[in-house]
């Protein structure tokens, strides 16, 4: 009689891609309501951004 070996597969957490938003969507966020004019200049059309990237662009602008 054959014996079965138990599969010992460790479940790894799923790898998730960061959430990205196009410029048009970012400009509607309440989070950036007081920076809409600035972001409309800093963000490029057709490009998508994470919150960290957006916050970095704002920070870099004010540090200049």
PDB file of N, CA and C in Angstrom:
ATOM      1  N   UNK A   1       0.839  -1.172   0.000  1.00  0.00           N
ATOM      2  CA  UNK A   1       0.000   0.000   0.000  1.00  0.00           C
ATOM      3  C   UNK A   1       0.885   1.237   0.000  1.00  0.00           C
ATOM      4  N   UNK A   2       0.555   2.151  -0.862  1.00  0.00           N
ATOM      5  CA  UNK A   2       1.347   3.372  -0.987  1.00  0.00           C
ATOM      6  C   UNK A   2       0.920   4.374   0.065  1.00  0.00           C
ATOM      7  N   UNK A   3       1.878   5.101   0.548  1.00  0.00           N
ATOM      8  CA  UNK A   3       1.557   6.136   1.529  1.00  0.00           C
ATOM      9  C   UNK A   3       1.714   7.500   0.875  1.00  0.00           C
ATOM     10  N   UNK A   4       0.866   8.369   1.260  1.00  0.00           N
ATOM     11  CA  UNK A   4       0.921   9.735   0.727  1.00  0.00           C
ATOM     12  C   UNK A   4       1.720  10.620   1.660  1.00  0.00           C
ATOM     13  N   UNK A   5       2.505  11.446   1.051  1.00  0.00           N
ATOM     14  CA  UNK A   5       3.220  12.439   1.846  1.00  0.00           C
ATOM     15  C   UNK A   5       2.381  13.699   1.872  1.00  0.00           C
ATOM     16  N   UNK A   6       2.333  14.293   3.013  1.00  0.00           N
ATOM     17  CA  UNK A   6       1.606  15.563   3.129  1.00  0.00           C
ATOM     18  C   UNK A   6       2.404  16.664   2.445  1.00  0.00           C
ATOM     19  N   UNK A   7       1.705  17.432   1.675  1.00  0.00           N
ATOM     20  CA  UNK A   7       2.357  18.557   1.012  1.00  0.00           C
ATOM     21  C   UNK A   7       2.624  19.637   2.049  1.00  0.00           C
ATOM     22  N   UNK A   8       3.847  19.997   2.153  1.00  0.00           N
ATOM     23  CA  UNK A   8       4.215  21.052   3.115  1.00  0.00           C
ATOM     24  C   UNK A   8       4.493  22.327   2.342  1.00  0.00           C
ATOM     25  N   UNK A   9       3.424  22.969   1.984  1.00  0.00           N
ATOM     26  CA  UNK A   9       3.570  24.236   1.270  1.00  0.00           C
ATOM     27  C   UNK A   9       3.285  25.367   2.240  1.00  0.00           C
ATOM     28  N   UNK A  10       4.278  26.143   2.435  1.00  0.00           N
ATOM     29  CA  UNK A  10       4.097  27.313   3.295  1.00  0.00           C
ATOM     30  C   UNK A  10       3.381  28.368   2.468  1.00  0.00           C
ATOM     31  N   UNK A  11       2.316  28.854   3.000  1.00  0.00           N
ATOM     32  CA  UNK A  11       1.581  29.872   2.265  1.00  0.00           C
ATOM     33  C   UNK A  11       2.273  31.212   2.436  1.00  0.00           C
ATOM     34  N   UNK A  12       2.709  31.721   1.314  1.00  0.00           N
ATOM     35  CA  UNK A  12       3.359  33.021   1.317  1.00  0.00           C
ATOM     36  C   UNK A  12       2.303  34.096   1.134  1.00  0.00           C
ATOM     37  N   UNK A  13       2.510  35.230   1.748  1.00  0.00           N
ATOM     38  CA  UNK A  13       1.538  36.310   1.550  1.00  0.00           C
ATOM     39  C   UNK A  13       1.533  36.728   0.085  1.00  0.00           C
ATOM     40  N   UNK A  14       0.381  37.058  -0.432  1.00  0.00           N
ATOM     41  CA  UNK A  14       0.323  37.451  -1.840  1.00  0.00           C
ATOM     42  C   UNK A  14       1.082  38.763  -2.072  1.00  0.00           C
ATOM     43  N   UNK A  15       1.739  38.829  -3.186  1.00  0.00           N
ATOM     44  CA  UNK A  15       2.470  40.041  -3.546  1.00  0.00           C
ATOM     45  C   UNK A  15       1.479  40.962  -4.246  1.00  0.00           C
ATOM     46  N   UNK A  16       1.328  42.135  -3.698  1.00  0.00           N
ATOM     47  CA  UNK A  16       0.366  43.070  -4.272  1.00  0.00           C
ATOM     48  C   UNK A  16       1.101  44.257  -4.868  1.00  0.00           C
ATOM     49  N   UNK A  17       0.609  44.699  -5.974  1.00  0.00           N
ATOM     50  CA  UNK A  17       1.175  45.876  -6.616  1.00  0.00           C
ATOM     51  C   UNK A  17       0.655  47.115  -5.898  1.00  0.00           C
ATOM     52  N   UNK A  18       1.459  48.159  -5.837  1.00  0.00           N
ATOM     53  CA  UNK A  18       0.979  49.382  -5.193  1.00  0.00           C
ATOM     54  C   UNK A  18      -0.202  49.967  -5.969  1.00  0.00           C
ATOM     55  N   UNK A  19      -1.081  50.609  -5.252  1.00  0.00           N
ATOM     56  CA  UNK A  19      -2.252  51.218  -5.872  1.00  0.00           C
ATOM     57  C   UNK A  19      -1.817  52.508  -6.545  1.00  0.00           C
ATOM     58  N   UNK A  20      -2.159  52.645  -7.810  1.00  0.00           N
ATOM     59  CA  UNK A  20      -1.779  53.837  -8.569  1.00  0.00           C
ATOM     60  C   UNK A  20      -3.020  54.529  -9.099  1.00  0.00           C
ATOM     61  N   UNK A  21      -2.883  55.828  -9.287  1.00  0.00           N
ATOM     62  CA  UNK A  21      -4.005  56.647  -9.739  1.00  0.00           C
ATOM     63  C   UNK A  21      -3.548  57.576 -10.850  1.00  0.00           C
ATOM     64  N   UNK A  22      -4.392  57.787 -11.848  1.00  0.00           N
ATOM     65  CA  UNK A  22      -4.056  58.779 -12.886  1.00  0.00           C
ATOM     66  C   UNK A  22      -4.239  60.196 -12.344  1.00  0.00           C
ATOM     67  N   UNK A  23      -3.648  61.151 -13.016  1.00  0.00           N
ATOM     68  CA  UNK A  23      -3.705  62.555 -12.608  1.00  0.00           C
ATOM     69  C   UNK A  23      -5.140  63.016 -12.388  1.00  0.00           C
ATOM     70  N   UNK A  24      -6.037  62.663 -13.309  1.00  0.00           N
ATOM     71  CA  UNK A  24      -7.432  63.108 -13.220  1.00  0.00           C
ATOM     72  C   UNK A  24      -8.093  62.644 -11.924  1.00  0.00           C
ATOM     73  N   UNK A  25      -7.790  61.430 -11.484  1.00  0.00           N
ATOM     74  CA  UNK A  25      -8.368  60.894 -10.249  1.00  0.00           C
ATOM     75  C   UNK A  25      -7.741  61.558  -9.025  1.00  0.00           C
ATOM     76  N   UNK A  26      -6.430  61.758  -9.064  1.00  0.00           N
ATOM     77  CA  UNK A  26      -5.721  62.372  -7.929  1.00  0.00           C
ATOM     78  C   UNK A  26      -6.291  63.755  -7.630  1.00  0.00           C
ATOM     79  N   UNK A  27      -6.607  64.509  -8.669  1.00  0.00           N
ATOM     80  CA  UNK A  27      -7.111  65.864  -8.479  1.00  0.00           C
ATOM     81  C   UNK A  27      -8.498  65.900  -7.839  1.00  0.00           C
ATOM     82  N   UNK A  28      -9.171  64.755  -7.721  1.00  0.00           N
ATOM     83  CA  UNK A  28     -10.489  64.710  -7.073  1.00  0.00           C
ATOM     84  C   UNK A  28     -10.403  64.299  -5.604  1.00  0.00           C
ATOM     85  N   UNK A  29      -9.229  63.895  -5.139  1.00  0.00           N
ATOM     86  CA  UNK A  29      -9.087  63.412  -3.761  1.00  0.00           C
ATOM     87  C   UNK A  29      -9.171  64.560  -2.757  1.00  0.00           C
ATOM     88  N   UNK A  30      -9.938  64.340  -1.706  1.00  0.00           N
ATOM     89  CA  UNK A  30      -9.993  65.331  -0.612  1.00  0.00           C
ATOM     90  C   UNK A  30      -8.633  65.499   0.040  1.00  0.00           C
ATOM     91  N   UNK A  31      -7.852  64.438   0.053  1.00  0.00           N
ATOM     92  CA  UNK A  31      -6.518  64.461   0.668  1.00  0.00           C
ATOM     93  C   UNK A  31      -5.639  65.568   0.065  1.00  0.00           C
ATOM     94  N   UNK A  32      -5.843  65.841  -1.222  1.00  0.00           N
ATOM     95  CA  UNK A  32      -5.038  66.836  -1.915  1.00  0.00           C
ATOM     96  C   UNK A  32      -5.842  68.064  -2.318  1.00  0.00           C
ATOM     97  N   UNK A  33      -6.934  68.314  -1.648  1.00  0.00           N
ATOM     98  CA  UNK A  33      -7.831  69.416  -2.023  1.00  0.00           C
ATOM     99  C   UNK A  33      -7.113  70.767  -1.996  1.00  0.00           C
ATOM    100  N   UNK A  34      -6.250  70.990  -1.019  1.00  0.00           N
ATOM    101  CA  UNK A  34      -5.578  72.286  -0.929  1.00  0.00           C
ATOM    102  C   UNK A  34      -4.321  72.373  -1.800  1.00  0.00           C
ATOM    103  N   UNK A  35      -4.024  71.305  -2.552  1.00  0.00           N
ATOM    104  CA  UNK A  35      -2.847  71.279  -3.420  1.00  0.00           C
ATOM    105  C   UNK A  35      -3.219  71.022  -4.885  1.00  0.00           C
ATOM    106  N   UNK A  36      -4.490  71.144  -5.232  1.00  0.00           N
ATOM    107  CA  UNK A  36      -4.935  70.804  -6.593  1.00  0.00           C
ATOM    108  C   UNK A  36      -4.233  71.625  -7.658  1.00  0.00           C
ATOM    109  N   UNK A  37      -4.075  72.917  -7.444  1.00  0.00           N
ATOM    110  CA  UNK A  37      -3.404  73.762  -8.436  1.00  0.00           C
ATOM    111  C   UNK A  37      -1.961  73.305  -8.656  1.00  0.00           C
ATOM    112  N   UNK A  38      -1.272  73.042  -7.556  1.00  0.00           N
ATOM    113  CA  UNK A  38       0.109  72.583  -7.635  1.00  0.00           C
ATOM    114  C   UNK A  38       0.195  71.234  -8.351  1.00  0.00           C
ATOM    115  N   UNK A  39      -0.662  70.309  -7.967  1.00  0.00           N
ATOM    116  CA  UNK A  39      -0.621  68.982  -8.565  1.00  0.00           C
ATOM    117  C   UNK A  39      -1.004  68.985 -10.036  1.00  0.00           C
ATOM    118  N   UNK A  40      -1.863  69.899 -10.428  1.00  0.00           N
ATOM    119  CA  UNK A  40      -2.233  69.957 -11.840  1.00  0.00           C
ATOM    120  C   UNK A  40      -1.025  70.336 -12.698  1.00  0.00           C
ATOM    121  N   UNK A  41      -0.047  71.014 -12.105  1.00  0.00           N
ATOM    122  CA  UNK A  41       1.191  71.364 -12.811  1.00  0.00           C
ATOM    123  C   UNK A  41       2.231  70.249 -12.681  1.00  0.00           C
ATOM    124  N   UNK A  42       2.381  69.690 -11.478  1.00  0.00           N
ATOM    125  CA  UNK A  42       3.434  68.703 -11.234  1.00  0.00           C
ATOM    126  C   UNK A  42       3.159  67.349 -11.880  1.00  0.00           C
ATOM    127  N   UNK A  43       1.910  66.915 -11.900  1.00  0.00           N
ATOM    128  CA  UNK A  43       1.588  65.580 -12.422  1.00  0.00           C
ATOM    129  C   UNK A  43       1.441  65.625 -13.938  1.00  0.00           C
ATOM    130  N   UNK A  44       1.892  64.564 -14.579  1.00  0.00           N
ATOM    131  CA  UNK A  44       1.835  64.471 -16.036  1.00  0.00           C
ATOM    132  C   UNK A  44       0.564  63.746 -16.467  1.00  0.00           C
ATOM    133  N   UNK A  45      -0.022  64.182 -17.560  1.00  0.00           N
ATOM    134  CA  UNK A  45      -1.186  63.506 -18.129  1.00  0.00           C
ATOM    135  C   UNK A  45      -0.766  62.116 -18.608  1.00  0.00           C
ATOM    136  N   UNK A  46      -1.644  61.138 -18.387  1.00  0.00           N
ATOM    137  CA  UNK A  46      -1.390  59.792 -18.862  1.00  0.00           C
ATOM    138  C   UNK A  46      -0.470  58.967 -17.982  1.00  0.00           C
ATOM    139  N   UNK A  47       0.064  59.526 -16.931  1.00  0.00           N
ATOM    140  CA  UNK A  47       0.950  58.813 -16.023  1.00  0.00           C
ATOM    141  C   UNK A  47       0.192  58.519 -14.736  1.00  0.00           C
ATOM    142  N   UNK A  48       0.525  57.406 -14.080  1.00  0.00           N
ATOM    143  CA  UNK A  48      -0.136  57.030 -12.830  1.00  0.00           C
ATOM    144  C   UNK A  48       0.834  57.158 -11.669  1.00  0.00           C
ATOM    145  N   UNK A  49       0.288  57.507 -10.503  1.00  0.00           N
ATOM    146  CA  UNK A  49       1.103  57.799  -9.329  1.00  0.00           C
ATOM    147  C   UNK A  49       0.565  57.087  -8.096  1.00  0.00           C
ATOM    148  N   UNK A  50       1.470  56.729  -7.177  1.00  0.00           N
ATOM    149  CA  UNK A  50       1.074  56.237  -5.860  1.00  0.00           C
ATOM    150  C   UNK A  50       0.992  57.442  -4.923  1.00  0.00           C
ATOM    151  N   UNK A  51       0.402  57.237  -3.764  1.00  0.00           N
ATOM    152  CA  UNK A  51       0.335  58.331  -2.785  1.00  0.00           C
ATOM    153  C   UNK A  51       1.743  58.754  -2.363  1.00  0.00           C
ATOM    154  N   UNK A  52       2.643  57.782  -2.211  1.00  0.00           N
ATOM    155  CA  UNK A  52       4.010  58.114  -1.813  1.00  0.00           C
ATOM    156  C   UNK A  52       4.703  58.978  -2.862  1.00  0.00           C
ATOM    157  N   UNK A  53       4.490  58.669  -4.134  1.00  0.00           N
ATOM    158  CA  UNK A  53       5.091  59.472  -5.197  1.00  0.00           C
ATOM    159  C   UNK A  53       4.538  60.892  -5.192  1.00  0.00           C
ATOM    160  N   UNK A  54       3.242  61.009  -5.008  1.00  0.00           N
ATOM    161  CA  UNK A  54       2.604  62.331  -4.990  1.00  0.00           C
ATOM    162  C   UNK A  54       3.128  63.153  -3.820  1.00  0.00           C
ATOM    163  N   UNK A  55       3.165  62.533  -2.645  1.00  0.00           N
ATOM    164  CA  UNK A  55       3.675  63.233  -1.464  1.00  0.00           C
ATOM    165  C   UNK A  55       5.134  63.647  -1.665  1.00  0.00           C
ATOM    166  N   UNK A  56       5.924  62.803  -2.325  1.00  0.00           N
ATOM    167  CA  UNK A  56       7.323  63.127  -2.611  1.00  0.00           C
ATOM    168  C   UNK A  56       7.457  64.312  -3.552  1.00  0.00           C
ATOM    169  N   UNK A  57       6.609  64.364  -4.570  1.00  0.00           N
ATOM    170  CA  UNK A  57       6.636  65.498  -5.500  1.00  0.00           C
ATOM    171  C   UNK A  57       6.304  66.805  -4.788  1.00  0.00           C
ATOM    172  N   UNK A  58       5.305  66.755  -3.912  1.00  0.00           N
ATOM    173  CA  UNK A  58       4.918  67.954  -3.160  1.00  0.00           C
ATOM    174  C   UNK A  58       6.068  68.389  -2.250  1.00  0.00           C
ATOM    175  N   UNK A  59       6.659  67.426  -1.556  1.00  0.00           N
ATOM    176  CA  UNK A  59       7.764  67.727  -0.641  1.00  0.00           C
ATOM    177  C   UNK A  59       8.950  68.327  -1.403  1.00  0.00           C
ATOM    178  N   UNK A  60       9.303  67.715  -2.533  1.00  0.00           N
ATOM    179  CA  UNK A  60      10.421  68.232  -3.334  1.00  0.00           C
ATOM    180  C   UNK A  60      10.153  69.650  -3.811  1.00  0.00           C
ATOM    181  N   UNK A  61       8.932  69.937  -4.206  1.00  0.00           N
ATOM    182  CA  UNK A  61       8.590  71.270  -4.675  1.00  0.00           C
ATOM    183  C   UNK A  61       8.801  72.307  -3.578  1.00  0.00           C
ATOM    184  N   UNK A  62       8.340  72.005  -2.373  1.00  0.00           N
ATOM    185  CA  UNK A  62       8.458  72.974  -1.291  1.00  0.00           C
ATOM    186  C   UNK A  62       9.874  73.094  -0.736  1.00  0.00           C
ATOM    187  N   UNK A  63      10.728  72.090  -0.986  1.00  0.00           N
ATOM    188  CA  UNK A  63      12.099  72.161  -0.512  1.00  0.00           C
ATOM    189  C   UNK A  63      13.010  72.966  -1.441  1.00  0.00           C
ATOM    190  N   UNK A  64      12.539  73.257  -2.657  1.00  0.00           N
ATOM    191  CA  UNK A  64      13.352  74.039  -3.606  1.00  0.00           C
ATOM    192  C   UNK A  64      13.441  75.470  -3.219  1.00  0.00           C
TER     193      UNK A  64
END
